[in-house]
mmCIF file of all heavy atoms, coordinates in Angstrom:
data_MODEL
# 
_entry.id   MODEL 
# 
loop_
_atom_site.group_PDB 
_atom_site.id 
_atom_site.type_symbol 
_atom_site.label_atom_id 
_atom_site.label_alt_id 
_atom_site.label_comp_id 
_atom_site.label_asym_id 
_atom_site.label_entity_id 
_atom_site.label_seq_id 
_atom_site.pdbx_PDB_ins_code 
_atom_site.Cartn_x 
_atom_site.Cartn_y 
_atom_site.Cartn_z 
_atom_site.occupancy 
_atom_site.B_iso_or_equiv 
_atom_site.pdbx_formal_charge 
_atom_site.auth_seq_id 
_atom_site.auth_comp_id 
_atom_site.auth_asym_id 
_atom_site.auth_atom_id 
_atom_site.pdbx_PDB_model_num 
ATOM 1   N N   . ASP A 1 1  ? -3.086  5.050   9.036   1.00 0.00 ? 1  ASP A N   1 
ATOM 2   C CA  . ASP A 1 1  ? -2.138  4.543   10.030  1.00 0.00 ? 1  ASP A CA  1 
ATOM 3   C C   . ASP A 1 1  ? -0.703  4.655   9.532   1.00 0.00 ? 1  ASP A C   1 
ATOM 4   O O   . ASP A 1 1  ? 0.209   4.941   10.323  1.00 0.00 ? 1  ASP A O   1 
ATOM 5   C CB  . ASP A 1 1  ? -2.472  3.092   10.371  1.00 0.00 ? 1  ASP A CB  1 
ATOM 6   C CG  . ASP A 1 1  ? -3.798  2.968   11.106  1.00 0.00 ? 1  ASP A CG  1 
ATOM 7   O OD1 . ASP A 1 1  ? -3.997  3.678   12.107  1.00 0.00 ? 1  ASP A OD1 1 
ATOM 8   O OD2 . ASP A 1 1  ? -4.645  2.169   10.663  1.00 0.00 ? 1  ASP A OD2 1 
ATOM 9   N N   . PHE A 1 2  ? -0.500  4.434   8.242   1.00 0.00 ? 2  PHE A N   1 
ATOM 10  C CA  . PHE A 1 2  ? 0.850   4.580   7.681   1.00 0.00 ? 2  PHE A CA  1 
ATOM 11  C C   . PHE A 1 2  ? 1.320   6.024   7.828   1.00 0.00 ? 2  PHE A C   1 
ATOM 12  O O   . PHE A 1 2  ? 2.465   6.286   8.206   1.00 0.00 ? 2  PHE A O   1 
ATOM 13  C CB  . PHE A 1 2  ? 0.858   4.158   6.218   1.00 0.00 ? 2  PHE A CB  1 
ATOM 14  C CG  . PHE A 1 2  ? 2.215   4.211   5.569   1.00 0.00 ? 2  PHE A CG  1 
ATOM 15  C CD1 . PHE A 1 2  ? 3.199   3.289   5.904   1.00 0.00 ? 2  PHE A CD1 1 
ATOM 16  C CD2 . PHE A 1 2  ? 2.513   5.190   4.639   1.00 0.00 ? 2  PHE A CD2 1 
ATOM 17  C CE1 . PHE A 1 2  ? 4.456   3.344   5.319   1.00 0.00 ? 2  PHE A CE1 1 
ATOM 18  C CE2 . PHE A 1 2  ? 3.770   5.253   4.058   1.00 0.00 ? 2  PHE A CE2 1 
ATOM 19  C CZ  . PHE A 1 2  ? 4.735   4.323   4.390   1.00 0.00 ? 2  PHE A CZ  1 
ATOM 20  N N   . GLU A 1 3  ? 0.425   6.971   7.566   1.00 0.00 ? 3  GLU A N   1 
ATOM 21  C CA  . GLU A 1 3  ? 0.781   8.386   7.701   1.00 0.00 ? 3  GLU A CA  1 
ATOM 22  C C   . GLU A 1 3  ? 1.111   8.728   9.144   1.00 0.00 ? 3  GLU A C   1 
ATOM 23  O O   . GLU A 1 3  ? 2.050   9.492   9.416   1.00 0.00 ? 3  GLU A O   1 
ATOM 24  C CB  . GLU A 1 3  ? -0.371  9.252   7.194   1.00 0.00 ? 3  GLU A CB  1 
ATOM 25  C CG  . GLU A 1 3  ? -0.047  10.727  7.173   1.00 0.00 ? 3  GLU A CG  1 
ATOM 26  C CD  . GLU A 1 3  ? -1.160  11.564  6.559   1.00 0.00 ? 3  GLU A CD  1 
ATOM 27  O OE1 . GLU A 1 3  ? -2.215  10.995  6.220   1.00 0.00 ? 3  GLU A OE1 1 
ATOM 28  O OE2 . GLU A 1 3  ? -0.974  12.793  6.434   1.00 0.00 ? 3  GLU A OE2 1 
ATOM 29  N N   . ALA A 1 4  ? 0.360   8.149   10.083  1.00 0.00 ? 4  ALA A N   1 
ATOM 30  C CA  . ALA A 1 4  ? 0.628   8.408   11.501  1.00 0.00 ? 4  ALA A CA  1 
ATOM 31  C C   . ALA A 1 4  ? 2.012   7.904   11.899  1.00 0.00 ? 4  ALA A C   1 
ATOM 32  O O   . ALA A 1 4  ? 2.731   8.565   12.666  1.00 0.00 ? 4  ALA A O   1 
ATOM 33  C CB  . ALA A 1 4  ? -0.445  7.740   12.365  1.00 0.00 ? 4  ALA A CB  1 
ATOM 34  N N   . VAL A 1 5  ? 2.394   6.745   11.371  1.00 0.00 ? 5  VAL A N   1 
ATOM 35  C CA  . VAL A 1 5  ? 3.720   6.197   11.670  1.00 0.00 ? 5  VAL A CA  1 
ATOM 36  C C   . VAL A 1 5  ? 4.816   7.084   11.089  1.00 0.00 ? 5  VAL A C   1 
ATOM 37  O O   . VAL A 1 5  ? 5.850   7.314   11.716  1.00 0.00 ? 5  VAL A O   1 
ATOM 38  C CB  . VAL A 1 5  ? 3.840   4.751   11.146  1.00 0.00 ? 5  VAL A CB  1 
ATOM 39  C CG1 . VAL A 1 5  ? 5.278   4.248   11.279  1.00 0.00 ? 5  VAL A CG1 1 
ATOM 40  C CG2 . VAL A 1 5  ? 2.902   3.830   11.919  1.00 0.00 ? 5  VAL A CG2 1 
ATOM 41  N N   . THR A 1 6  ? 4.593   7.604   9.887   1.00 0.00 ? 6  THR A N   1 
ATOM 42  C CA  . THR A 1 6  ? 5.621   8.468   9.270   1.00 0.00 ? 6  THR A CA  1 
ATOM 43  C C   . THR A 1 6  ? 5.849   9.743   10.089  1.00 0.00 ? 6  THR A C   1 
ATOM 44  O O   . THR A 1 6  ? 6.938   10.320  10.036  1.00 0.00 ? 6  THR A O   1 
ATOM 45  C CB  . THR A 1 6  ? 5.220   8.863   7.837   1.00 0.00 ? 6  THR A CB  1 
ATOM 46  O OG1 . THR A 1 6  ? 4.005   9.633   7.863   1.00 0.00 ? 6  THR A OG1 1 
ATOM 47  C CG2 . THR A 1 6  ? 5.026   7.642   6.958   1.00 0.00 ? 6  THR A CG2 1 
ATOM 48  N N   . LYS A 1 7  ? 4.836   10.159  10.839  1.00 0.00 ? 7  LYS A N   1 
ATOM 49  C CA  . LYS A 1 7  ? 4.959   11.392  11.627  1.00 0.00 ? 7  LYS A CA  1 
ATOM 50  C C   . LYS A 1 7  ? 5.507   11.134  13.032  1.00 0.00 ? 7  LYS A C   1 
ATOM 51  O O   . LYS A 1 7  ? 5.741   12.091  13.782  1.00 0.00 ? 7  LYS A O   1 
ATOM 52  C CB  . LYS A 1 7  ? 3.593   12.077  11.725  1.00 0.00 ? 7  LYS A CB  1 
ATOM 53  C CG  . LYS A 1 7  ? 3.080   12.590  10.382  1.00 0.00 ? 7  LYS A CG  1 
ATOM 54  C CD  . LYS A 1 7  ? 1.704   13.215  10.528  1.00 0.00 ? 7  LYS A CD  1 
ATOM 55  C CE  . LYS A 1 7  ? 1.198   13.750  9.185   1.00 0.00 ? 7  LYS A CE  1 
ATOM 56  N NZ  . LYS A 1 7  ? -0.157  14.335  9.302   1.00 0.00 ? 7  LYS A NZ  1 
ATOM 57  N N   . ASN A 1 8  ? 5.704   9.864   13.379  1.00 0.00 ? 8  ASN A N   1 
ATOM 58  C CA  . ASN A 1 8  ? 6.210   9.509   14.706  1.00 0.00 ? 8  ASN A CA  1 
ATOM 59  C C   . ASN A 1 8  ? 7.732   9.422   14.636  1.00 0.00 ? 8  ASN A C   1 
ATOM 60  O O   . ASN A 1 8  ? 8.288   8.533   13.983  1.00 0.00 ? 8  ASN A O   1 
ATOM 61  C CB  . ASN A 1 8  ? 5.616   8.162   15.135  1.00 0.00 ? 8  ASN A CB  1 
ATOM 62  C CG  . ASN A 1 8  ? 5.921   7.819   16.572  1.00 0.00 ? 8  ASN A CG  1 
ATOM 63  O OD1 . ASN A 1 8  ? 6.994   8.144   17.096  1.00 0.00 ? 8  ASN A OD1 1 
ATOM 64  N ND2 . ASN A 1 8  ? 4.996   7.128   17.225  1.00 0.00 ? 8  ASN A ND2 1 
ATOM 65  N N   . ASP A 1 9  ? 8.431   10.333  15.305  1.00 0.00 ? 9  ASP A N   1 
ATOM 66  C CA  . ASP A 1 9  ? 9.892   10.385  15.187  1.00 0.00 ? 9  ASP A CA  1 
ATOM 67  C C   . ASP A 1 9  ? 10.594  9.222   15.880  1.00 0.00 ? 9  ASP A C   1 
ATOM 68  O O   . ASP A 1 9  ? 11.814  9.071   15.758  1.00 0.00 ? 9  ASP A O   1 
ATOM 69  C CB  . ASP A 1 9  ? 10.437  11.714  15.702  1.00 0.00 ? 9  ASP A CB  1 
ATOM 70  C CG  . ASP A 1 9  ? 10.056  12.003  17.148  1.00 0.00 ? 9  ASP A CG  1 
ATOM 71  O OD1 . ASP A 1 9  ? 9.516   11.094  17.826  1.00 0.00 ? 9  ASP A OD1 1 
ATOM 72  O OD2 . ASP A 1 9  ? 10.296  13.136  17.611  1.00 0.00 ? 9  ASP A OD2 1 
ATOM 73  N N   . LYS A 1 10 ? 9.843   8.385   16.603  1.00 0.00 ? 10 LYS A N   1 
ATOM 74  C CA  . LYS A 1 10 ? 10.435  7.210   17.233  1.00 0.00 ? 10 LYS A CA  1 
ATOM 75  C C   . LYS A 1 10 ? 10.343  5.972   16.342  1.00 0.00 ? 10 LYS A C   1 
ATOM 76  O O   . LYS A 1 10 ? 10.885  4.915   16.688  1.00 0.00 ? 10 LYS A O   1 
ATOM 77  C CB  . LYS A 1 10 ? 9.753   6.938   18.575  1.00 0.00 ? 10 LYS A CB  1 
ATOM 78  C CG  . LYS A 1 10 ? 9.955   8.044   19.614  1.00 0.00 ? 10 LYS A CG  1 
ATOM 79  C CD  . LYS A 1 10 ? 9.268   7.702   20.920  1.00 0.00 ? 10 LYS A CD  1 
ATOM 80  C CE  . LYS A 1 10 ? 9.477   8.807   21.946  1.00 0.00 ? 10 LYS A CE  1 
ATOM 81  N NZ  . LYS A 1 10 ? 8.802   8.497   23.243  1.00 0.00 ? 10 LYS A NZ  1 
ATOM 82  N N   . LEU A 1 11 ? 9.636   6.120   15.233  1.00 0.00 ? 11 LEU A N   1 
ATOM 83  C CA  . LEU A 1 11 ? 9.434   5.010   14.311  1.00 0.00 ? 11 LEU A CA  1 
ATOM 84  C C   . LEU A 1 11 ? 9.942   5.394   12.930  1.00 0.00 ? 11 LEU A C   1 
ATOM 85  O O   . LEU A 1 11 ? 10.327  6.539   12.681  1.00 0.00 ? 11 LEU A O   1 
ATOM 86  C CB  . LEU A 1 11 ? 7.938   4.656   14.236  1.00 0.00 ? 11 LEU A CB  1 
ATOM 87  C CG  . LEU A 1 11 ? 7.228   4.367   15.567  1.00 0.00 ? 11 LEU A CG  1 
ATOM 88  C CD1 . LEU A 1 11 ? 5.735   4.187   15.329  1.00 0.00 ? 11 LEU A CD1 1 
ATOM 89  C CD2 . LEU A 1 11 ? 7.829   3.124   16.230  1.00 0.00 ? 11 LEU A CD2 1 
ATOM 90  N N   . SER A 1 12 ? 9.951   4.431   12.022  1.00 0.00 ? 12 SER A N   1 
ATOM 91  C CA  . SER A 1 12 ? 10.334  4.706   10.640  1.00 0.00 ? 12 SER A CA  1 
ATOM 92  C C   . SER A 1 12 ? 9.483   3.841   9.717   1.00 0.00 ? 12 SER A C   1 
ATOM 93  O O   . SER A 1 12 ? 8.744   2.964   10.169  1.00 0.00 ? 12 SER A O   1 
ATOM 94  C CB  . SER A 1 12 ? 11.826  4.410   10.405  1.00 0.00 ? 12 SER A CB  1 
ATOM 95  O OG  . SER A 1 12 ? 12.107  3.033   10.584  1.00 0.00 ? 12 SER A OG  1 
ATOM 96  N N   . THR A 1 13 ? 9.582   4.102   8.431   1.00 0.00 ? 13 THR A N   1 
ATOM 97  C CA  . THR A 1 13 ? 8.809   3.333   7.457   1.00 0.00 ? 13 THR A CA  1 
ATOM 98  C C   . THR A 1 13 ? 9.702   2.923   6.297   1.00 0.00 ? 13 THR A C   1 
ATOM 99  O O   . THR A 1 13 ? 10.762  3.504   6.066   1.00 0.00 ? 13 THR A O   1 
ATOM 100 C CB  . THR A 1 13 ? 7.626   4.145   6.898   1.00 0.00 ? 13 THR A CB  1 
ATOM 101 O OG1 . THR A 1 13 ? 8.135   5.306   6.234   1.00 0.00 ? 13 THR A OG1 1 
ATOM 102 C CG2 . THR A 1 13 ? 6.665   4.546   7.999   1.00 0.00 ? 13 THR A CG2 1 
ATOM 103 N N   . VAL A 1 14 ? 9.249   1.922   5.576   1.00 0.00 ? 14 VAL A N   1 
ATOM 104 C CA  . VAL A 1 14 ? 9.936   1.482   4.367   1.00 0.00 ? 14 VAL A CA  1 
ATOM 105 C C   . VAL A 1 14 ? 8.853   1.079   3.371   1.00 0.00 ? 14 VAL A C   1 
ATOM 106 O O   . VAL A 1 14 ? 7.772   0.637   3.764   1.00 0.00 ? 14 VAL A O   1 
ATOM 107 C CB  . VAL A 1 14 ? 10.887  0.299   4.671   1.00 0.00 ? 14 VAL A CB  1 
ATOM 108 C CG1 . VAL A 1 14 ? 10.122  -0.928  5.133   1.00 0.00 ? 14 VAL A CG1 1 
ATOM 109 C CG2 . VAL A 1 14 ? 11.740  -0.042  3.461   1.00 0.00 ? 14 VAL A CG2 1 
ATOM 110 N N   . SER A 1 15 ? 9.135   1.255   2.084   1.00 0.00 ? 15 SER A N   1 
ATOM 111 C CA  . SER A 1 15 ? 8.151   0.885   1.072   1.00 0.00 ? 15 SER A CA  1 
ATOM 112 C C   . SER A 1 15 ? 8.873   0.472   -0.207  1.00 0.00 ? 15 SER A C   1 
ATOM 113 O O   . SER A 1 15 ? 10.040  0.807   -0.415  1.00 0.00 ? 15 SER A O   1 
ATOM 114 C CB  . SER A 1 15 ? 7.197   2.050   0.780   1.00 0.00 ? 15 SER A CB  1 
ATOM 115 O OG  . SER A 1 15 ? 7.908   3.161   0.247   1.00 0.00 ? 15 SER A OG  1 
ATOM 116 N N   . ALA A 1 16 ? 8.155   -0.276  -1.051  1.00 0.00 ? 16 ALA A N   1 
ATOM 117 C CA  . ALA A 1 16 ? 8.714   -0.714  -2.327  1.00 0.00 ? 16 ALA A CA  1 
ATOM 118 C C   . ALA A 1 16 ? 7.579   -1.069  -3.274  1.00 0.00 ? 16 ALA A C   1 
ATOM 119 O O   . ALA A 1 16 ? 6.596   -1.690  -2.848  1.00 0.00 ? 16 ALA A O   1 
ATOM 120 C CB  . ALA A 1 16 ? 9.633   -1.926  -2.129  1.00 0.00 ? 16 ALA A CB  1 
ATOM 121 N N   . PRO A 1 17 ? 7.680   -0.681  -4.554  1.00 0.00 ? 17 PRO A N   1 
ATOM 122 C CA  . PRO A 1 17 ? 6.661   -1.104  -5.518  1.00 0.00 ? 17 PRO A CA  1 
ATOM 123 C C   . PRO A 1 17 ? 6.702   -2.611  -5.697  1.00 0.00 ? 17 PRO A C   1 
ATOM 124 O O   . PRO A 1 17 ? 7.772   -3.223  -5.703  1.00 0.00 ? 17 PRO A O   1 
ATOM 125 C CB  . PRO A 1 17 ? 7.063   -0.369  -6.801  1.00 0.00 ? 17 PRO A CB  1 
ATOM 126 C CG  . PRO A 1 17 ? 8.505   -0.046  -6.624  1.00 0.00 ? 17 PRO A CG  1 
ATOM 127 C CD  . PRO A 1 17 ? 8.728   0.135   -5.166  1.00 0.00 ? 17 PRO A CD  1 
ATOM 128 N N   . LYS A 1 18 ? 5.535   -3.210  -5.802  1.00 0.00 ? 18 LYS A N   1 
ATOM 129 C CA  . LYS A 1 18 ? 5.418   -4.662  -5.886  1.00 0.00 ? 18 LYS A CA  1 
ATOM 130 C C   . LYS A 1 18 ? 4.927   -5.053  -7.272  1.00 0.00 ? 18 LYS A C   1 
ATOM 131 O O   . LYS A 1 18 ? 4.242   -4.283  -7.947  1.00 0.00 ? 18 LYS A O   1 
ATOM 132 C CB  . LYS A 1 18 ? 4.401   -5.150  -4.844  1.00 0.00 ? 18 LYS A CB  1 
ATOM 133 C CG  . LYS A 1 18 ? 4.820   -6.344  -4.013  1.00 0.00 ? 18 LYS A CG  1 
ATOM 134 C CD  . LYS A 1 18 ? 6.060   -6.108  -3.260  1.00 0.00 ? 18 LYS A CD  1 
ATOM 135 C CE  . LYS A 1 18 ? 6.444   -7.283  -2.375  1.00 0.00 ? 18 LYS A CE  1 
ATOM 136 N NZ  . LYS A 1 18 ? 7.651   -6.989  -1.624  1.00 0.00 ? 18 LYS A NZ  1 
ATOM 137 N N   . GLY A 1 19 ? 5.228   -6.275  -7.674  1.00 0.00 ? 19 GLY A N   1 
ATOM 138 C CA  . GLY A 1 19 ? 4.730   -6.788  -8.944  1.00 0.00 ? 19 GLY A CA  1 
ATOM 139 C C   . GLY A 1 19 ? 3.301   -7.263  -8.801  1.00 0.00 ? 19 GLY A C   1 
ATOM 140 O O   . GLY A 1 19 ? 2.953   -8.367  -9.227  1.00 0.00 ? 19 GLY A O   1 
ATOM 141 N N   . THR A 1 20 ? 2.457   -6.432  -8.188  1.00 0.00 ? 20 THR A N   1 
ATOM 142 C CA  . THR A 1 20 ? 1.082   -6.789  -7.868  1.00 0.00 ? 20 THR A CA  1 
ATOM 143 C C   . THR A 1 20 ? 0.152   -5.670  -8.308  1.00 0.00 ? 20 THR A C   1 
ATOM 144 O O   . THR A 1 20 ? 0.436   -4.495  -8.045  1.00 0.00 ? 20 THR A O   1 
ATOM 145 C CB  . THR A 1 20 ? 0.922   -7.011  -6.354  1.00 0.00 ? 20 THR A CB  1 
ATOM 146 O OG1 . THR A 1 20 ? 1.880   -7.965  -5.910  1.00 0.00 ? 20 THR A OG1 1 
ATOM 147 C CG2 . THR A 1 20 ? -0.465  -7.494  -6.006  1.00 0.00 ? 20 THR A CG2 1 
ATOM 148 N N   . VAL A 1 21 ? -0.935  -6.019  -8.984  1.00 0.00 ? 21 VAL A N   1 
ATOM 149 C CA  . VAL A 1 21 ? -1.915  -5.020  -9.401  1.00 0.00 ? 21 VAL A CA  1 
ATOM 150 C C   . VAL A 1 21 ? -3.285  -5.398  -8.859  1.00 0.00 ? 21 VAL A C   1 
ATOM 151 O O   . VAL A 1 21 ? -3.587  -6.571  -8.653  1.00 0.00 ? 21 VAL A O   1 
ATOM 152 C CB  . VAL A 1 21 ? -1.978  -4.883  -10.941 1.00 0.00 ? 21 VAL A CB  1 
ATOM 153 C CG1 . VAL A 1 21 ? -0.671  -4.322  -11.488 1.00 0.00 ? 21 VAL A CG1 1 
ATOM 154 C CG2 . VAL A 1 21 ? -2.316  -6.211  -11.613 1.00 0.00 ? 21 VAL A CG2 1 
ATOM 155 N N   . MET A 1 22 ? -4.118  -4.377  -8.634  1.00 0.00 ? 22 MET A N   1 
ATOM 156 C CA  . MET A 1 22 ? -5.500  -4.608  -8.231  1.00 0.00 ? 22 MET A CA  1 
ATOM 157 C C   . MET A 1 22 ? -6.408  -4.204  -9.384  1.00 0.00 ? 22 MET A C   1 
ATOM 158 O O   . MET A 1 22 ? -6.135  -3.220  -10.080 1.00 0.00 ? 22 MET A O   1 
ATOM 159 C CB  . MET A 1 22 ? -5.852  -3.829  -6.971  1.00 0.00 ? 22 MET A CB  1 
ATOM 160 C CG  . MET A 1 22 ? -7.290  -4.049  -6.498  1.00 0.00 ? 22 MET A CG  1 
ATOM 161 S SD  . MET A 1 22 ? -7.614  -3.478  -4.802  1.00 0.00 ? 22 MET A SD  1 
ATOM 162 C CE  . MET A 1 22 ? -7.128  -4.933  -3.868  1.00 0.00 ? 22 MET A CE  1 
ATOM 163 N N   . TYR A 1 23 ? -7.478  -4.966  -9.578  1.00 0.00 ? 23 TYR A N   1 
ATOM 164 C CA  . TYR A 1 23 ? -8.339  -4.762  -10.731 1.00 0.00 ? 23 TYR A CA  1 
ATOM 165 C C   . TYR A 1 23 ? -9.777  -5.138  -10.398 1.00 0.00 ? 23 TYR A C   1 
ATOM 166 O O   . TYR A 1 23 ? -10.047 -5.867  -9.443  1.00 0.00 ? 23 TYR A O   1 
ATOM 167 C CB  . TYR A 1 23 ? -7.851  -5.617  -11.908 1.00 0.00 ? 23 TYR A CB  1 
ATOM 168 C CG  . TYR A 1 23 ? -7.927  -7.104  -11.620 1.00 0.00 ? 23 TYR A CG  1 
ATOM 169 C CD1 . TYR A 1 23 ? -9.050  -7.849  -11.958 1.00 0.00 ? 23 TYR A CD1 1 
ATOM 170 C CD2 . TYR A 1 23 ? -6.879  -7.764  -10.953 1.00 0.00 ? 23 TYR A CD2 1 
ATOM 171 C CE1 . TYR A 1 23 ? -9.138  -9.206  -11.657 1.00 0.00 ? 23 TYR A CE1 1 
ATOM 172 C CE2 . TYR A 1 23 ? -6.970  -9.116  -10.649 1.00 0.00 ? 23 TYR A CE2 1 
ATOM 173 C CZ  . TYR A 1 23 ? -8.102  -9.828  -10.998 1.00 0.00 ? 23 TYR A CZ  1 
ATOM 174 O OH  . TYR A 1 23 ? -8.196  -11.161 -10.686 1.00 0.00 ? 23 TYR A OH  1 
ATOM 175 N N   . ILE A 1 24 ? -10.694 -4.614  -11.193 1.00 0.00 ? 24 ILE A N   1 
ATOM 176 C CA  . ILE A 1 24 ? -12.083 -5.066  -11.188 1.00 0.00 ? 24 ILE A CA  1 
ATOM 177 C C   . ILE A 1 24 ? -12.287 -5.850  -12.474 1.00 0.00 ? 24 ILE A C   1 
ATOM 178 O O   . ILE A 1 24 ? -11.873 -5.403  -13.549 1.00 0.00 ? 24 ILE A O   1 
ATOM 179 C CB  . ILE A 1 24 ? -13.063 -3.881  -11.135 1.00 0.00 ? 24 ILE A CB  1 
ATOM 180 C CG1 . ILE A 1 24 ? -12.891 -3.101  -9.827  1.00 0.00 ? 24 ILE A CG1 1 
ATOM 181 C CG2 . ILE A 1 24 ? -14.507 -4.354  -11.285 1.00 0.00 ? 24 ILE A CG2 1 
ATOM 182 C CD1 . ILE A 1 24 ? -13.664 -1.786  -9.785  1.00 0.00 ? 24 ILE A CD1 1 
ATOM 183 N N   . SER A 1 25 ? -12.916 -7.020  -12.387 1.00 0.00 ? 25 SER A N   1 
ATOM 184 C CA  . SER A 1 25 ? -13.132 -7.821  -13.585 1.00 0.00 ? 25 SER A CA  1 
ATOM 185 C C   . SER A 1 25 ? -14.611 -8.040  -13.832 1.00 0.00 ? 25 SER A C   1 
ATOM 186 O O   . SER A 1 25 ? -15.418 -8.080  -12.896 1.00 0.00 ? 25 SER A O   1 
ATOM 187 C CB  . SER A 1 25 ? -12.400 -9.160  -13.487 1.00 0.00 ? 25 SER A CB  1 
ATOM 188 O OG  . SER A 1 25 ? -12.929 -9.950  -12.449 1.00 0.00 ? 25 SER A OG  1 
ATOM 189 N N   . LEU A 1 26 ? -14.960 -8.191  -15.106 1.00 0.00 ? 26 LEU A N   1 
ATOM 190 C CA  . LEU A 1 26 ? -16.335 -8.319  -15.555 1.00 0.00 ? 26 LEU A CA  1 
ATOM 191 C C   . LEU A 1 26 ? -16.518 -9.680  -16.213 1.00 0.00 ? 26 LEU A C   1 
ATOM 192 O O   . LEU A 1 26 ? -15.884 -9.965  -17.240 1.00 0.00 ? 26 LEU A O   1 
ATOM 193 C CB  . LEU A 1 26 ? -16.689 -7.219  -16.563 1.00 0.00 ? 26 LEU A CB  1 
ATOM 194 C CG  . LEU A 1 26 ? -16.803 -5.764  -16.100 1.00 0.00 ? 26 LEU A CG  1 
ATOM 195 C CD1 . LEU A 1 26 ? -15.497 -5.227  -15.536 1.00 0.00 ? 26 LEU A CD1 1 
ATOM 196 C CD2 . LEU A 1 26 ? -17.244 -4.892  -17.281 1.00 0.00 ? 26 LEU A CD2 1 
ATOM 197 N N   . ASN A 1 27 ? -17.364 -10.505 -15.646 1.00 0.00 ? 27 ASN A N   1 
ATOM 198 C CA  . ASN A 1 27 ? -17.587 -11.844 -16.183 1.00 0.00 ? 27 ASN A CA  1 
ATOM 199 C C   . ASN A 1 27 ? -18.345 -11.758 -17.512 1.00 0.00 ? 27 ASN A C   1 
ATOM 200 O O   . ASN A 1 27 ? -19.476 -11.250 -17.572 1.00 0.00 ? 27 ASN A O   1 
ATOM 201 C CB  . ASN A 1 27 ? -18.381 -12.680 -15.180 1.00 0.00 ? 27 ASN A CB  1 
ATOM 202 C CG  . ASN A 1 27 ? -18.406 -14.154 -15.544 1.00 0.00 ? 27 ASN A CG  1 
ATOM 203 O OD1 . ASN A 1 27 ? -18.110 -14.548 -16.671 1.00 0.00 ? 27 ASN A OD1 1 
ATOM 204 N ND2 . ASN A 1 27 ? -18.763 -14.986 -14.576 1.00 0.00 ? 27 ASN A ND2 1 
ATOM 205 N N   . GLN A 1 28 ? -17.748 -12.278 -18.573 1.00 0.00 ? 28 GLN A N   1 
ATOM 206 C CA  . GLN A 1 28 ? -18.348 -12.198 -19.898 1.00 0.00 ? 28 GLN A CA  1 
ATOM 207 C C   . GLN A 1 28 ? -19.515 -13.165 -20.091 1.00 0.00 ? 28 GLN A C   1 
ATOM 208 O O   . GLN A 1 28 ? -20.162 -13.153 -21.143 1.00 0.00 ? 28 GLN A O   1 
ATOM 209 C CB  . GLN A 1 28 ? -17.275 -12.415 -20.954 1.00 0.00 ? 28 GLN A CB  1 
ATOM 210 C CG  . GLN A 1 28 ? -16.172 -11.364 -20.926 1.00 0.00 ? 28 GLN A CG  1 
ATOM 211 C CD  . GLN A 1 28 ? -16.705 -9.958  -21.111 1.00 0.00 ? 28 GLN A CD  1 
ATOM 212 O OE1 . GLN A 1 28 ? -16.985 -9.548  -22.225 1.00 0.00 ? 28 GLN A OE1 1 
ATOM 213 N NE2 . GLN A 1 28 ? -16.884 -9.220  -20.018 1.00 0.00 ? 28 GLN A NE2 1 
ATOM 214 N N   . LYS A 1 29 ? -19.781 -13.971 -19.091 1.00 0.00 ? 29 LYS A N   1 
ATOM 215 C CA  . LYS A 1 29 ? -20.986 -14.798 -19.139 1.00 0.00 ? 29 LYS A CA  1 
ATOM 216 C C   . LYS A 1 29 ? -22.240 -13.967 -18.869 1.00 0.00 ? 29 LYS A C   1 
ATOM 217 O O   . LYS A 1 29 ? -23.352 -14.399 -19.171 1.00 0.00 ? 29 LYS A O   1 
ATOM 218 C CB  . LYS A 1 29 ? -20.892 -15.944 -18.128 1.00 0.00 ? 29 LYS A CB  1 
ATOM 219 C CG  . LYS A 1 29 ? -19.909 -17.036 -18.526 1.00 0.00 ? 29 LYS A CG  1 
ATOM 220 C CD  . LYS A 1 29 ? -20.047 -18.239 -17.605 1.00 0.00 ? 29 LYS A CD  1 
ATOM 221 C CE  . LYS A 1 29 ? -19.205 -19.407 -18.102 1.00 0.00 ? 29 LYS A CE  1 
ATOM 222 N NZ  . LYS A 1 29 ? -19.457 -20.649 -17.331 1.00 0.00 ? 29 LYS A NZ  1 
# 
C-alpha cells in the first residue's frame, strides 16, 4: 500500500528512521 501511494501523483509520502527495533527472543527457561 505504501508503494501504491508513492505512485499516486495526487498523494505524497514521508518517512523517518525510528528508535525502534523488531526482534525474535528465545526464553532461556
